[in-house]
Protein backbone atom coordinates (compact mmCIF):
# COMPACT_ATOMS: atom_id res chain seq x y z
CA MET A 1 -8.98 -60.37 46.70
CA LYS A 2 -12.13 -63.05 46.01
CA GLN A 3 -11.74 -66.98 45.37
CA LEU A 4 -14.49 -68.05 43.38
CA THR A 5 -14.77 -71.46 45.20
CA SER A 6 -17.25 -73.89 46.44
CA ALA A 7 -17.85 -74.06 50.30
CA SER A 8 -19.17 -78.10 49.91
CA VAL A 9 -15.66 -79.19 47.85
CA ARG A 10 -13.79 -77.58 50.23
CA ARG A 11 -15.79 -79.65 53.39
CA HIS A 12 -15.67 -82.65 51.41
CA HIS A 13 -12.06 -82.91 51.21
CA ALA A 14 -11.31 -81.53 54.97
CA ARG A 15 -13.74 -84.23 55.89
CA ARG A 16 -12.41 -86.56 53.60
CA ILE A 17 -8.57 -86.30 55.30
CA LYS A 18 -10.72 -87.04 58.41
CA HIS A 19 -12.57 -89.75 57.89
CA LEU A 20 -11.15 -91.73 55.36
CA GLY A 21 -7.25 -90.44 55.49
CA HIS A 22 -4.54 -89.74 53.03
CA GLU A 23 -4.65 -93.15 51.28
CA PRO A 24 -7.25 -94.32 48.58
CA PHE A 25 -7.11 -97.58 49.65
CA HIS A 26 -8.48 -99.32 52.70
CA PRO A 27 -7.76 -102.96 53.88
CA VAL A 28 -10.80 -104.52 55.14
CA THR A 29 -10.63 -108.09 56.61
CA SER A 30 -14.02 -108.88 56.68
CA LEU A 31 -14.04 -108.53 51.81
CA THR A 32 -12.36 -110.90 49.93
CA ARG A 33 -12.27 -108.70 46.82
CA THR A 34 -10.59 -105.25 46.17
CA TRP A 35 -12.87 -103.01 45.42
CA LEU A 36 -13.09 -99.39 43.16
CA VAL A 37 -15.10 -97.00 44.66
CA PHE A 38 -15.97 -93.89 43.20
CA ILE A 39 -17.68 -91.06 45.20
CA ASP A 40 -19.51 -88.49 43.35
CA THR A 41 -19.37 -84.82 44.32
CA SER A 42 -20.91 -83.26 41.21
CA HIS A 43 -23.53 -81.62 43.46
CA GLY A 44 -21.06 -79.42 45.69
CA HIS A 45 -18.83 -78.51 42.71
CA ALA A 46 -21.88 -77.18 40.90
CA THR A 47 -22.55 -74.39 44.05
CA PHE A 48 -20.44 -72.04 45.82
CA GLY A 49 -22.05 -72.35 48.94
CA SER A 50 -21.88 -75.40 51.93
CA ASP A 51 -25.80 -76.84 51.92
CA SER A 52 -25.50 -79.02 48.77
CA GLN A 53 -25.48 -82.66 49.35
CA THR A 54 -22.00 -84.79 49.18
CA PRO A 55 -21.89 -88.28 50.64
CA ALA A 56 -21.42 -88.73 54.12
CA LEU A 57 -17.71 -89.73 54.86
CA LYS A 58 -17.70 -90.64 58.75
CA SER A 59 -19.45 -93.39 58.65
CA LEU A 60 -18.85 -94.74 54.65
CA VAL A 61 -16.12 -97.31 55.47
CA ALA A 62 -18.55 -99.66 57.97
CA ASP A 63 -21.72 -98.88 55.79
CA LEU A 64 -20.09 -99.25 52.74
CA THR A 65 -18.64 -102.39 53.68
CA ALA A 66 -21.75 -104.23 54.98
CA GLU A 67 -23.03 -103.50 51.69
CA LEU A 68 -19.76 -105.14 50.00
CA GLU A 69 -20.18 -107.84 52.16
CA ARG A 70 -23.96 -108.34 51.10
CA LEU A 71 -22.59 -108.37 47.12
CA GLU A 72 -19.49 -110.85 47.69
CA ARG A 73 -22.04 -113.32 49.18
CA ASN A 74 -24.58 -113.31 46.52
CA HIS A 75 -22.21 -112.80 44.01
CA GLN A 76 -19.48 -115.92 44.66
CA THR A 77 -18.66 -117.47 41.31
CA GLU A 78 -18.75 -114.44 39.62
CA ARG A 79 -14.71 -113.07 38.55
CA GLU A 80 -15.96 -109.69 38.39
CA ILE A 81 -19.08 -107.51 40.59
CA ASN A 82 -20.26 -104.84 39.18
CA ALA A 83 -22.19 -102.88 41.49
CA GLY A 84 -22.76 -99.46 39.86
CA HIS A 85 -26.24 -99.50 40.11
CA ASP A 86 -27.06 -101.08 43.38
CA LEU A 87 -29.52 -98.59 45.04
CA ALA A 88 -27.73 -99.03 48.58
CA ILE A 89 -24.19 -98.49 47.07
CA ARG A 90 -25.29 -95.27 45.25
CA GLN A 91 -27.09 -94.00 48.39
CA LEU A 92 -23.61 -94.19 49.93
CA THR A 93 -21.38 -92.61 47.33
CA HIS A 94 -23.49 -90.94 45.06
CA SER A 95 -21.61 -92.60 42.16
CA TRP A 96 -22.89 -94.95 39.29
CA VAL A 97 -19.36 -96.63 39.49
CA CYS A 98 -18.89 -99.25 42.10
CA SER A 99 -17.02 -102.62 40.55
CA SER A 100 -14.49 -105.47 41.88
CA VAL A 101 -10.93 -105.00 40.70
CA PRO A 102 -9.99 -108.72 39.14
CA ASP A 103 -6.60 -110.00 39.91
CA SER A 104 -5.87 -107.18 42.05
CA PRO A 105 -2.18 -106.63 43.76
CA PHE A 106 -4.08 -105.26 46.70
CA ASP A 107 -5.32 -106.83 49.68
CA PRO A 108 -9.11 -107.13 50.21
CA GLY A 109 -10.58 -103.67 50.72
CA ILE A 110 -11.76 -100.24 49.05
CA ILE A 111 -10.05 -97.89 46.98
CA PHE A 112 -11.53 -94.67 47.17
CA THR A 113 -11.71 -92.32 44.62
CA ASP A 114 -13.62 -88.93 43.80
CA SER A 115 -15.17 -87.92 40.81
CA HIS A 116 -17.52 -85.67 39.71
CA GLY A 117 -19.19 -83.72 36.89
CA THR A 118 -19.11 -80.35 35.28
CA SER A 119 -21.80 -78.18 33.53
CA ARG A 120 -20.49 -75.63 30.54
CA THR A 121 -21.22 -74.42 27.08
CA THR A 122 -17.45 -74.13 25.34
CA ASP A 123 -18.11 -70.94 24.90
CA LEU A 124 -16.26 -67.97 25.97
CA GLU A 125 -18.86 -65.36 26.24
CA THR A 126 -21.25 -67.82 28.41
CA ASP A 127 -18.57 -69.86 30.28
CA VAL A 128 -16.63 -66.42 31.01
CA VAL A 129 -18.87 -63.15 31.05
CA HIS A 130 -22.17 -64.49 31.71
CA PHE A 131 -20.48 -66.39 34.20
CA LEU A 132 -18.67 -63.65 36.29
CA GLY A 133 -21.68 -61.62 35.33
CA GLN A 134 -24.10 -63.51 37.62
CA TRP A 135 -21.65 -63.97 40.09
CA LEU A 136 -20.15 -60.06 40.33
CA ASP A 137 -24.40 -59.51 40.55
CA SER A 138 -25.21 -62.23 43.36
CA ASP A 139 -25.57 -62.09 47.22
CA LEU A 140 -22.21 -64.04 46.88
CA ALA A 141 -20.47 -60.46 45.62
CA ALA A 142 -22.14 -58.48 48.52
CA ASN A 143 -18.81 -58.54 50.98
CA LEU A 144 -16.90 -57.24 47.67
CA ARG A 145 -18.82 -54.85 46.39
CA ALA A 146 -19.48 -53.24 49.87
CA SER A 147 -15.44 -53.21 50.17
CA LEU A 148 -14.90 -51.76 47.57
CA ALA A 149 -17.63 -48.58 47.57
CA ALA A 150 -15.25 -47.56 50.14
CA GLU A 151 -12.42 -46.91 48.09
CA PRO A 152 -11.77 -43.31 46.88
CA TRP A 153 -10.14 -44.03 43.77
CA ARG A 154 -11.49 -46.95 40.95
CA GLY A 155 -12.70 -50.05 42.45
CA ILE A 156 -10.17 -53.12 41.60
CA ALA A 157 -11.88 -56.62 41.94
CA VAL A 158 -9.25 -59.46 42.02
CA LEU A 159 -11.41 -62.75 41.19
CA ILE A 160 -9.24 -65.90 42.11
CA ALA A 161 -11.58 -68.84 40.06
CA ASP A 162 -11.20 -72.21 42.04
CA SER A 163 -11.42 -75.45 39.83
CA ASN A 164 -13.09 -76.32 43.18
CA GLY A 165 -16.39 -75.50 42.43
CA PRO A 166 -18.62 -73.64 39.68
CA ALA A 167 -15.57 -71.63 37.96
CA GLU A 168 -13.71 -74.95 37.03
CA GLY A 169 -15.96 -74.68 33.95
CA MET A 170 -14.79 -71.42 33.41
CA ILE A 171 -11.09 -72.20 33.51
CA ARG A 172 -11.41 -75.19 31.01
CA THR A 173 -13.33 -73.62 28.48
CA LEU A 174 -9.95 -71.06 28.88
CA GLN A 175 -7.60 -73.75 28.80
CA GLU A 176 -9.41 -75.35 25.48
CA ASP A 177 -10.12 -72.22 23.40
CA ASP A 178 -7.06 -68.88 23.34
CA GLY A 179 -9.28 -66.54 22.50
CA THR A 180 -10.21 -63.56 24.41
CA PRO A 181 -13.76 -62.38 25.06
CA VAL A 182 -16.01 -59.41 23.53
CA THR A 183 -19.06 -59.23 24.88
CA PRO A 184 -19.26 -56.32 27.34
CA LEU A 185 -19.51 -57.29 31.24
CA THR A 186 -21.74 -55.43 33.10
CA LEU A 187 -19.92 -54.10 36.26
CA PRO A 188 -21.90 -53.24 39.31
CA SER A 189 -21.60 -49.60 40.45
CA GLU A 190 -19.03 -50.26 43.00
CA ILE A 191 -16.47 -51.96 40.60
CA ASP A 192 -14.55 -50.34 38.06
CA VAL A 193 -12.13 -53.16 37.11
CA VAL A 194 -11.90 -56.81 37.08
CA ILE A 195 -9.23 -58.74 37.09
CA LEU A 196 -9.88 -62.27 36.93
CA ILE A 197 -7.20 -65.27 37.40
CA ALA A 198 -8.55 -68.74 36.24
CA GLY A 199 -5.29 -70.94 36.08
CA ASN A 200 -2.60 -69.93 33.69
CA TYR A 201 -4.29 -67.01 32.57
CA ILE A 202 -5.06 -63.36 33.60
CA LEU A 203 -8.06 -61.77 31.87
CA ASP A 204 -8.70 -57.76 32.49
CA TYR A 205 -12.24 -56.01 32.17
CA ASP A 206 -12.95 -52.33 32.14
CA ALA A 207 -15.52 -50.21 30.36
CA VAL A 208 -13.17 -48.39 28.53
CA ASN A 209 -10.56 -51.01 27.23
CA GLY A 210 -12.75 -54.05 27.53
CA TRP A 211 -11.03 -57.41 27.99
CA GLN A 212 -7.63 -58.57 27.75
CA ARG A 213 -5.67 -61.45 27.85
CA ARG A 214 -2.68 -63.02 28.77
CA GLU A 215 -0.69 -65.52 29.72
CA MET A 216 1.02 -66.00 33.40
CA LYS A 217 4.52 -66.79 32.70
CA THR A 218 6.92 -68.96 35.13
CA LEU A 219 9.23 -67.31 36.83
CA ARG A 220 12.64 -69.01 36.40
CA ILE A 221 15.44 -68.56 39.06
CA PRO A 222 18.46 -69.22 37.29
CA PRO A 223 21.09 -71.32 39.19
CA LYS A 224 23.60 -70.20 41.70
CA VAL A 225 26.98 -69.78 40.11
CA SER A 226 29.94 -70.54 42.51
């Protein structure tokens, strides 16, 4: 079993909790306004590895506060300050979204929210078949192929697609298109069957039967009869 996820995004989430905590709002007494700031993690979502660049979080509050104080000094008379194109802000957050919130119910401070973009074609044959074929043929699947090579029977690869990473595009395409792929999946010699779990859907593939698709059903536990 292998999870298709991004080590970079997992690391970002762990560091966000460590350095920013669980709450999105951070009160900052030196500010006079409430600010909404997006942290863009698109680079992390675009790769399975851990070496992509995501915003540094350890000193983000302090560094961002200094820049927001500058903006408040320079735009004192403006009701709303849009700092999305400020280069210093973008360097810290990797995002174009940063603005003050007029008439905010919060005290002065910063509201952080994560954001990212996803690249996909919305075509099942590309977003599912081609995507999986590339992954199975890459070094990322080397351990999986090696473990299945030692199997005396059929090599069955179970893959779990995680939305925290490049597999998000595949999951979203499957959610929007209820069809079943028809393009044959090129399987490495060590793998005979692929079982893909993507969101609420399960897709099976082998060279004899081709693609099959079904939806996972929610298990309903009947109420206890007293």
